[in-house]
Amino acid sequence: MTDTQKSTLELDLKRLEKQVEDLLAALQGLKEENRALRSRQDSLSTERASLLQKNEQVRTRVEAMIGRLKMLEHGT
């Protein structure tokens, strides 16, 4: 193998090594982003469940009020 071929091969290897390093860095960034998104999704799911429960409680109260108003209306 000639010196030129060795130099070309070394340059190719260095470029490939840099690409692999860049891909690993991108992978690490995506893993972190994925973790953060999953955490946010869990938080939003919990918040949604809480809001649905509160909504149901309010609906029940409103229906009870309507029922009482109807009873008062028919009682007078």
N, C-alpha and C. Protein backbone atom coordinates (compact mmCIF):
# COMPACT_ATOMS: atom_id res chain seq x y z
N MET A 1 0.86 -1.18 0.00
CA MET A 1 0.00 0.00 0.00
C MET A 1 0.90 1.24 0.00
N THR A 2 0.59 2.16 -0.85
CA THR A 2 1.41 3.37 -0.97
C THR A 2 1.04 4.36 0.12
N ASP A 3 1.91 5.33 0.29
CA ASP A 3 1.67 6.38 1.30
C ASP A 3 0.40 7.17 0.97
N THR A 4 0.14 7.40 -0.29
CA THR A 4 -1.06 8.12 -0.72
C THR A 4 -2.31 7.32 -0.35
N GLN A 5 -2.26 6.05 -0.60
CA GLN A 5 -3.40 5.19 -0.28
C GLN A 5 -3.63 5.15 1.23
N LYS A 6 -2.53 5.07 2.00
CA LYS A 6 -2.63 5.07 3.46
C LYS A 6 -3.25 6.37 3.96
N SER A 7 -2.79 7.47 3.38
CA SER A 7 -3.32 8.79 3.78
C SER A 7 -4.80 8.89 3.47
N THR A 8 -5.17 8.42 2.28
CA THR A 8 -6.58 8.46 1.88
C THR A 8 -7.41 7.59 2.81
N LEU A 9 -6.90 6.42 3.11
CA LEU A 9 -7.60 5.50 4.00
C LEU A 9 -7.75 6.10 5.40
N GLU A 10 -6.68 6.72 5.89
CA GLU A 10 -6.73 7.35 7.22
C GLU A 10 -7.75 8.49 7.24
N LEU A 11 -7.78 9.29 6.17
CA LEU A 11 -8.76 10.38 6.09
C LEU A 11 -10.18 9.83 6.06
N ASP A 12 -10.39 8.78 5.29
CA ASP A 12 -11.71 8.16 5.23
C ASP A 12 -12.12 7.62 6.60
N LEU A 13 -11.19 6.99 7.28
CA LEU A 13 -11.47 6.46 8.62
C LEU A 13 -11.79 7.58 9.60
N LYS A 14 -11.04 8.68 9.52
CA LYS A 14 -11.30 9.83 10.41
C LYS A 14 -12.68 10.42 10.14
N ARG A 15 -13.05 10.53 8.86
CA ARG A 15 -14.38 11.04 8.51
C ARG A 15 -15.47 10.11 9.02
N LEU A 16 -15.25 8.82 8.86
CA LEU A 16 -16.22 7.84 9.33
C LEU A 16 -16.33 7.89 10.85
N GLU A 17 -15.21 8.02 11.52
CA GLU A 17 -15.22 8.12 12.99
C GLU A 17 -15.99 9.37 13.44
N LYS A 18 -15.79 10.47 12.73
CA LYS A 18 -16.51 11.71 13.06
C LYS A 18 -18.01 11.53 12.84
N GLN A 19 -18.38 10.86 11.75
CA GLN A 19 -19.80 10.62 11.48
C GLN A 19 -20.42 9.74 12.57
N VAL A 20 -19.68 8.73 13.00
CA VAL A 20 -20.18 7.85 14.06
C VAL A 20 -20.34 8.64 15.36
N GLU A 21 -19.39 9.48 15.68
CA GLU A 21 -19.48 10.32 16.88
C GLU A 21 -20.68 11.26 16.80
N ASP A 22 -20.89 11.84 15.63
CA ASP A 22 -22.03 12.73 15.44
C ASP A 22 -23.36 11.98 15.60
N LEU A 23 -23.40 10.78 15.05
CA LEU A 23 -24.62 9.96 15.18
C LEU A 23 -24.87 9.58 16.64
N LEU A 24 -23.81 9.25 17.35
CA LEU A 24 -23.97 8.91 18.77
C LEU A 24 -24.45 10.11 19.58
N ALA A 25 -23.93 11.29 19.25
CA ALA A 25 -24.38 12.51 19.93
C ALA A 25 -25.85 12.78 19.62
N ALA A 26 -26.23 12.60 18.36
CA ALA A 26 -27.63 12.80 17.98
C ALA A 26 -28.52 11.79 18.68
N LEU A 27 -28.06 10.55 18.75
CA LEU A 27 -28.83 9.51 19.44
C LEU A 27 -29.02 9.86 20.91
N GLN A 28 -27.97 10.34 21.55
CA GLN A 28 -28.08 10.72 22.96
C GLN A 28 -29.08 11.86 23.14
N GLY A 29 -29.03 12.83 22.23
CA GLY A 29 -29.98 13.94 22.29
C GLY A 29 -31.41 13.46 22.11
N LEU A 30 -31.62 12.54 21.18
CA LEU A 30 -32.96 12.01 20.95
C LEU A 30 -33.45 11.20 22.15
N LYS A 31 -32.55 10.46 22.77
CA LYS A 31 -32.93 9.70 23.97
C LYS A 31 -33.40 10.65 25.08
N GLU A 32 -32.67 11.74 25.27
CA GLU A 32 -33.04 12.71 26.30
C GLU A 32 -34.36 13.39 25.96
N GLU A 33 -34.53 13.75 24.70
CA GLU A 33 -35.79 14.36 24.27
C GLU A 33 -36.96 13.39 24.46
N ASN A 34 -36.74 12.15 24.14
CA ASN A 34 -37.78 11.12 24.30
C ASN A 34 -38.15 10.96 25.77
N ARG A 35 -37.13 10.96 26.65
CA ARG A 35 -37.39 10.85 28.09
C ARG A 35 -38.22 12.03 28.57
N ALA A 36 -37.85 13.23 28.12
CA ALA A 36 -38.58 14.43 28.53
C ALA A 36 -40.02 14.39 28.01
N LEU A 37 -40.20 13.94 26.78
CA LEU A 37 -41.55 13.87 26.21
C LEU A 37 -42.41 12.83 26.94
N ARG A 38 -41.81 11.71 27.30
CA ARG A 38 -42.57 10.70 28.05
C ARG A 38 -42.98 11.22 29.43
N SER A 39 -42.06 11.95 30.05
CA SER A 39 -42.37 12.54 31.34
C SER A 39 -43.51 13.54 31.21
N ARG A 40 -43.46 14.37 30.18
CA ARG A 40 -44.51 15.37 29.94
C ARG A 40 -45.84 14.67 29.65
N GLN A 41 -45.79 13.58 28.88
CA GLN A 41 -47.01 12.83 28.57
C GLN A 41 -47.63 12.26 29.85
N ASP A 42 -46.80 11.72 30.73
CA ASP A 42 -47.30 11.19 32.00
C ASP A 42 -47.96 12.29 32.82
N SER A 43 -47.30 13.44 32.86
CA SER A 43 -47.83 14.58 33.60
C SER A 43 -49.17 15.03 33.03
N LEU A 44 -49.25 15.12 31.72
CA LEU A 44 -50.49 15.55 31.08
C LEU A 44 -51.61 14.52 31.26
N SER A 45 -51.25 13.25 31.25
CA SER A 45 -52.26 12.21 31.47
C SER A 45 -52.83 12.30 32.87
N THR A 46 -51.97 12.55 33.84
CA THR A 46 -52.42 12.71 35.22
C THR A 46 -53.32 13.94 35.35
N GLU A 47 -52.90 15.04 34.73
CA GLU A 47 -53.69 16.27 34.77
C GLU A 47 -55.05 16.05 34.10
N ARG A 48 -55.06 15.34 32.99
CA ARG A 48 -56.32 15.07 32.27
C ARG A 48 -57.27 14.26 33.14
N ALA A 49 -56.74 13.23 33.81
CA ALA A 49 -57.59 12.40 34.67
C ALA A 49 -58.18 13.24 35.79
N SER A 50 -57.38 14.13 36.35
CA SER A 50 -57.86 15.00 37.41
C SER A 50 -58.96 15.94 36.90
N LEU A 51 -58.76 16.51 35.72
CA LEU A 51 -59.76 17.41 35.15
C LEU A 51 -61.05 16.67 34.81
N LEU A 52 -60.93 15.45 34.32
CA LEU A 52 -62.13 14.67 34.02
C LEU A 52 -62.92 14.39 35.31
N GLN A 53 -62.20 14.10 36.37
CA GLN A 53 -62.87 13.83 37.65
C GLN A 53 -63.57 15.10 38.15
N LYS A 54 -62.89 16.23 38.08
CA LYS A 54 -63.50 17.49 38.51
C LYS A 54 -64.71 17.83 37.64
N ASN A 55 -64.59 17.59 36.35
CA ASN A 55 -65.69 17.85 35.44
C ASN A 55 -66.91 17.01 35.82
N GLU A 56 -66.68 15.76 36.14
CA GLU A 56 -67.78 14.88 36.55
C GLU A 56 -68.43 15.37 37.84
N GLN A 57 -67.61 15.82 38.79
CA GLN A 57 -68.15 16.34 40.04
C GLN A 57 -69.01 17.58 39.78
N VAL A 58 -68.54 18.46 38.93
CA VAL A 58 -69.30 19.68 38.61
C VAL A 58 -70.60 19.31 37.90
N ARG A 59 -70.53 18.39 36.97
CA ARG A 59 -71.73 17.96 36.25
C ARG A 59 -72.77 17.40 37.23
N THR A 60 -72.32 16.59 38.17
CA THR A 60 -73.23 16.02 39.16
C THR A 60 -73.87 17.12 40.01
N ARG A 61 -73.06 18.10 40.41
CA ARG A 61 -73.60 19.21 41.22
C ARG A 61 -74.63 20.03 40.42
N VAL A 62 -74.32 20.31 39.17
CA VAL A 62 -75.23 21.10 38.34
C VAL A 62 -76.53 20.35 38.14
N GLU A 63 -76.44 19.05 37.88
CA GLU A 63 -77.66 18.26 37.72
C GLU A 63 -78.49 18.26 39.00
N ALA A 64 -77.83 18.20 40.15
CA ALA A 64 -78.54 18.24 41.43
C ALA A 64 -79.22 19.60 41.61
N MET A 65 -78.53 20.68 41.25
CA MET A 65 -79.11 22.02 41.37
C MET A 65 -80.33 22.15 40.46
N ILE A 66 -80.21 21.65 39.25
CA ILE A 66 -81.33 21.71 38.31
C ILE A 66 -82.52 20.95 38.88
N GLY A 67 -82.24 19.78 39.45
CA GLY A 67 -83.31 19.00 40.07
C GLY A 67 -83.98 19.75 41.21
N ARG A 68 -83.20 20.39 42.05
CA ARG A 68 -83.77 21.16 43.16
C ARG A 68 -84.58 22.35 42.65
N LEU A 69 -84.07 23.02 41.62
CA LEU A 69 -84.81 24.16 41.05
C LEU A 69 -86.14 23.71 40.46
N LYS A 70 -86.13 22.58 39.80
CA LYS A 70 -87.39 22.06 39.25
C LYS A 70 -88.37 21.72 40.36
N MET A 71 -87.87 21.17 41.46
CA MET A 71 -88.75 20.82 42.59
C MET A 71 -89.32 22.10 43.20
N LEU A 72 -88.50 23.15 43.32
CA LEU A 72 -88.98 24.42 43.87
C LEU A 72 -90.00 25.03 42.93
N GLU A 73 -89.75 24.93 41.64
CA GLU A 73 -90.66 25.49 40.65
C GLU A 73 -92.03 24.81 40.72
N HIS A 74 -92.03 23.50 40.87
CA HIS A 74 -93.28 22.76 40.94
C HIS A 74 -93.94 22.89 42.30
N GLY A 75 -93.20 23.24 43.31
CA GLY A 75 -93.75 23.38 44.65
C GLY A 75 -94.45 24.71 44.88
N THR A 76 -94.17 25.67 44.05
CA THR A 76 -94.82 27.00 44.24
C THR A 76 -96.01 27.20 43.38
